[in-house]
Protein backbone atom coordinates (compact mmCIF):
# COMPACT_ATOMS: atom_id res chain seq x y z
CA MET A 1 141.91 103.35 92.40
CA ASN A 2 141.79 106.00 89.74
CA ASP A 3 141.12 109.79 90.26
CA LEU A 4 137.42 109.72 89.01
CA LEU A 5 136.60 106.60 91.21
CA LYS A 6 138.21 108.46 94.14
CA LEU A 7 136.17 111.53 93.39
CA ALA A 8 132.85 109.59 93.02
CA ILE A 9 133.34 107.56 96.17
CA SER A 10 134.15 110.80 98.16
CA ALA A 11 131.01 112.49 96.82
CA HIS A 12 128.75 109.72 97.72
CA GLY A 13 129.96 109.51 101.28
CA GLY A 14 133.32 108.16 101.26
CA MET A 15 134.67 104.60 101.60
CA ASP A 16 135.27 104.86 105.41
CA ARG A 17 131.56 105.50 105.97
CA TRP A 18 130.69 102.80 103.41
CA ASN A 19 132.75 100.15 105.15
CA GLN A 20 130.82 100.73 108.39
CA ILE A 21 127.56 99.72 106.64
CA LYS A 22 126.21 96.19 106.64
CA SER A 23 122.86 96.52 104.79
CA VAL A 24 120.18 98.84 103.50
CA ASN A 25 116.39 99.01 103.63
CA VAL A 26 114.40 100.73 101.00
CA GLN A 27 110.70 101.29 100.45
CA ALA A 28 110.51 101.26 96.63
CA SER A 29 108.01 101.24 93.73
CA ILE A 30 109.19 100.04 90.45
CA THR A 31 107.18 100.35 87.22
CA GLY A 32 107.70 100.92 83.54
CA GLY A 33 107.36 99.42 80.11
CA VAL A 34 109.43 96.29 80.69
CA TRP A 35 107.02 95.11 83.20
CA TYR A 36 104.24 95.30 80.79
CA VAL A 37 105.97 93.54 78.12
CA LYS A 38 106.85 90.73 80.58
CA GLY A 39 103.26 90.32 81.63
CA ARG A 40 103.86 91.69 85.13
CA PRO A 41 102.99 95.40 85.01
CA ASP A 42 102.51 95.97 88.86
CA VAL A 43 104.56 93.26 90.30
CA LEU A 44 106.97 95.64 92.14
CA LYS A 45 104.75 98.55 92.41
CA ASN A 46 105.04 98.74 96.27
CA ILE A 47 107.85 96.58 97.76
CA SER A 48 110.11 96.47 100.72
CA VAL A 49 113.85 95.88 99.82
CA TYR A 50 116.63 94.67 101.93
CA ALA A 51 120.10 94.31 100.57
CA GLU A 52 123.48 93.43 102.11
CA THR A 53 126.13 95.72 101.03
CA GLN A 54 129.37 93.73 101.23
CA ASN A 55 127.86 90.49 100.00
CA GLU A 56 125.45 90.07 96.88
CA LYS A 57 122.22 89.33 98.45
CA LEU A 58 118.83 91.22 98.12
CA ILE A 59 115.48 90.34 99.44
CA MET A 60 112.12 91.87 98.28
CA ASP A 61 109.06 91.75 100.42
CA PHE A 62 105.63 92.09 99.08
CA PRO A 63 103.31 93.61 101.58
CA GLY A 64 100.00 91.85 102.05
CA GLN A 65 100.81 88.87 99.86
CA ASN A 66 102.78 86.70 102.50
CA LYS A 67 105.56 86.51 100.05
CA LYS A 68 109.28 87.51 99.57
CA THR A 69 111.91 86.65 97.03
CA ILE A 70 115.47 86.10 98.02
CA PHE A 71 118.17 86.82 95.35
CA GLU A 72 121.60 85.41 95.46
CA PRO A 73 123.71 85.03 92.15
CA LYS A 74 123.49 81.08 92.23
CA LEU A 75 120.27 80.75 94.15
CA ILE A 76 116.71 82.27 93.95
CA SER A 77 114.18 81.50 96.56
CA ILE A 78 110.54 82.25 97.00
CA ALA A 79 109.35 82.37 100.50
CA GLU A 80 106.58 83.23 102.82
CA SER A 81 106.86 86.33 104.90
CA ASP A 82 108.30 84.42 107.89
CA GLY A 83 111.08 83.02 105.78
CA SER A 84 109.61 79.62 104.99
CA VAL A 85 110.85 78.67 101.43
CA LEU A 86 108.20 77.55 99.04
CA GLU A 87 110.40 77.15 95.86
CA SER A 88 114.03 77.60 94.97
CA TRP A 89 116.12 77.61 91.82
CA GLU A 90 119.94 76.90 91.59
CA ASN A 91 121.75 78.44 88.67
CA PRO A 92 118.72 80.73 88.24
CA ILE A 93 120.20 82.58 85.11
CA SER A 94 119.69 79.40 83.23
CA SER A 95 115.81 79.81 83.56
CA PHE A 96 116.13 82.57 80.77
CA ALA A 97 117.36 80.28 78.28
CA GLY A 98 115.14 80.34 74.98
CA HIS A 99 113.50 83.52 76.08
CA THR A 100 112.23 85.94 73.48
CA ARG A 101 111.18 89.57 73.97
CA GLU A 102 107.53 88.41 74.42
CA THR A 103 108.23 85.69 76.91
CA ALA A 104 106.22 86.32 80.21
CA TRP A 105 108.13 86.11 83.37
CA GLU A 106 107.52 84.12 86.39
CA ASP A 107 108.64 85.01 89.89
CA VAL A 108 112.03 83.58 89.51
CA HIS A 109 112.69 85.72 86.43
CA VAL A 110 111.43 88.82 88.24
CA ALA A 111 113.55 88.05 91.29
CA TYR A 112 116.76 87.56 89.35
CA PHE A 113 116.48 90.51 87.00
CA SER A 114 115.41 92.77 89.92
CA GLY A 115 118.06 91.46 92.23
CA GLU A 116 120.98 91.77 90.11
CA ALA A 117 119.80 95.28 89.12
CA LEU A 118 118.90 96.83 92.37
CA TRP A 119 121.95 95.34 94.22
CA THR A 120 124.09 96.91 91.61
CA TYR A 121 122.32 100.33 91.79
CA LEU A 122 122.40 100.46 95.60
CA THR A 123 126.07 99.85 96.02
CA ILE A 124 127.39 102.06 93.05
CA PRO A 125 130.02 103.61 93.05
CA PHE A 126 131.58 101.86 96.25
CA LEU A 127 131.02 98.54 94.41
CA TYR A 128 133.71 99.53 92.01
CA ALA A 129 136.36 99.44 94.58
CA TYR A 130 135.63 95.76 95.54
CA PRO A 131 138.07 93.01 94.76
CA GLY A 132 138.32 92.18 91.16
CA PHE A 133 136.79 95.24 89.61
CA VAL A 134 138.56 96.98 86.73
CA THR A 135 138.06 100.64 86.00
CA GLU A 136 139.21 103.05 83.43
CA GLU A 137 138.21 106.69 82.71
CA ILE A 138 137.35 107.30 79.08
CA GLU A 139 136.44 110.37 77.14
CA PRO A 140 133.99 112.79 78.74
CA TRP A 141 130.39 113.26 77.77
CA GLN A 142 128.35 116.46 77.25
CA GLU A 143 124.72 116.47 78.31
CA SER A 144 122.34 118.72 80.22
CA GLY A 145 124.67 121.66 80.04
CA GLU A 146 127.42 119.78 81.96
CA THR A 147 130.54 117.88 81.21
CA TRP A 148 130.23 114.26 82.71
CA ARG A 149 133.32 112.21 83.31
CA ARG A 150 132.88 108.54 82.37
CA LEU A 151 134.06 105.58 84.02
CA LYS A 152 134.25 102.19 82.22
CA VAL A 153 133.92 99.32 84.57
CA THR A 154 134.43 95.60 84.02
CA PHE A 155 132.77 93.48 86.62
CA PRO A 156 134.32 90.41 88.07
CA ASP A 157 132.77 87.00 87.45
CA TYR A 158 131.63 86.62 91.06
CA ILE A 159 129.33 89.46 90.69
CA SER A 160 126.10 89.09 88.85
CA SER A 161 124.86 92.19 87.13
CA HIS A 162 123.26 93.25 83.80
CA SER A 163 126.49 92.91 81.94
CA ARG A 164 130.27 92.40 82.59
CA GLU A 165 130.98 95.81 81.02
CA GLN A 166 129.12 99.05 82.09
CA ILE A 167 129.71 102.80 81.92
CA SER A 168 129.01 105.24 84.68
CA PHE A 169 128.80 109.11 84.12
CA PHE A 170 129.70 111.41 86.95
CA GLY A 171 128.82 115.17 87.01
CA PRO A 172 131.23 117.96 88.04
CA ASP A 173 130.22 117.33 91.80
CA GLY A 174 131.08 113.56 91.54
CA LEU A 175 127.55 112.26 91.68
CA LEU A 176 126.41 109.63 89.38
CA ARG A 177 124.26 111.18 86.69
CA ARG A 178 123.83 108.26 84.43
CA HIS A 179 124.70 104.44 84.29
CA ASP A 180 124.78 102.75 80.88
CA TYR A 181 124.70 98.83 80.44
CA LYS A 182 123.56 96.05 78.10
CA VAL A 183 121.21 93.48 79.70
CA ASP A 184 122.53 89.92 79.03
CA ILE A 185 119.36 88.24 80.03
CA LEU A 186 117.42 90.30 77.82
CA GLY A 187 119.31 89.60 74.68
CA GLY A 188 121.77 92.51 75.04
CA ALA A 189 118.79 95.15 75.36
CA THR A 190 120.39 98.42 76.35
CA GLY A 191 119.77 100.68 79.36
CA ALA A 192 120.58 104.33 79.96
CA ASN A 193 119.77 104.59 83.75
CA TYR A 194 119.43 108.21 85.04
CA ALA A 195 119.85 108.89 88.79
CA ALA A 196 118.38 111.95 90.43
CA ASP A 197 116.99 113.67 93.48
CA TYR A 198 119.94 112.90 95.86
CA ARG A 199 119.60 112.92 99.58
CA ASP A 200 121.92 112.14 102.50
CA ILE A 201 120.79 108.90 104.21
CA ASN A 202 123.01 107.91 107.23
CA GLY A 203 125.93 109.64 105.72
CA ILE A 204 125.48 108.04 102.15
CA ILE A 205 124.50 110.27 99.15
CA VAL A 206 121.92 108.44 97.22
CA PRO A 207 119.46 109.16 94.37
CA ALA A 208 115.71 108.80 95.23
CA THR A 209 114.65 108.35 91.60
CA ARG A 210 116.10 106.26 88.63
CA ARG A 211 114.72 106.41 85.02
CA VAL A 212 115.82 104.00 82.45
CA TYR A 213 115.60 104.25 78.66
CA ALA A 214 117.18 102.57 75.84
CA TYR A 215 120.20 103.78 73.92
CA GLN A 216 121.45 103.26 70.44
CA GLY A 217 124.60 103.66 68.51
CA ASP A 218 127.28 105.79 70.57
CA HIS A 219 124.99 105.91 73.68
CA ILE A 220 122.35 108.10 72.12
CA VAL A 221 119.30 107.82 74.37
CA VAL A 222 115.88 106.93 73.01
CA LYS A 223 113.44 108.81 75.32
CA GLU A 224 110.34 106.70 74.38
CA PRO A 225 109.23 104.44 75.96
CA LEU A 226 110.33 104.73 79.66
CA LEU A 227 111.59 101.16 80.25
CA VAL A 228 111.99 101.19 84.10
CA ALA A 229 110.86 103.84 86.68
CA ILE A 230 112.32 103.43 90.31
CA ASP A 231 111.07 105.57 93.16
CA MET A 232 112.70 105.11 96.46
CA GLY A 233 110.90 106.10 99.61
CA GLU A 234 112.09 105.57 103.21
CA THR A 235 115.68 104.37 103.03
CA ASN A 236 118.08 103.34 105.84
CA PHE A 237 121.62 102.29 105.75
CA ASN A 238 122.48 100.04 108.60
CA ASP A 239 125.77 100.01 110.47
CA LYS A 240 127.55 96.79 111.41
């Protein structure tokens, strides 16, 4: 583990504390331009999220709709609130084949895109110490009057995320400031994901808000439009 990753993990609560945690529950609202483009503007406006922390699995519950989606890399399920499965898709990434920017999303697409995204966001930076990850500190970045150290991360094949190579930017305090990636299932669309409003939840330091914009060229952010807004309310990390 390189020095930057050690600093980041310590700043977010430490690996010893993280290894005690089994899952996380979050009340969230997710909006932004992407959802309008895909014909689902309010689909994630108020949801309950449950994610395992040591295994890639994420469940989104839709209050008042008797519906939940269950994300795993090789299987998406749509179920009733009691867990009774209504539909399921094996190899769900194949459901994006042939999509264009204007292709409307069904529940399987919402579940897969949101699942791979949220699970990554909720487990960074601890995720980067999991088996198979390759990390390398690259040249620093100047933004918002600070010098941010940057970690280039290559994801292993067993993890589903937006892209195999991603870059995390950490402030002088070691906390994540920004997270850049390309979204493979959106044809390589770029994302610059800003994390803010940190709080201590059960010994883990996490951002309450995330704002995602496109970037171009050498990671120059395009501030309009706002692609995704994530606001996290009540959050709990659950011990084993």
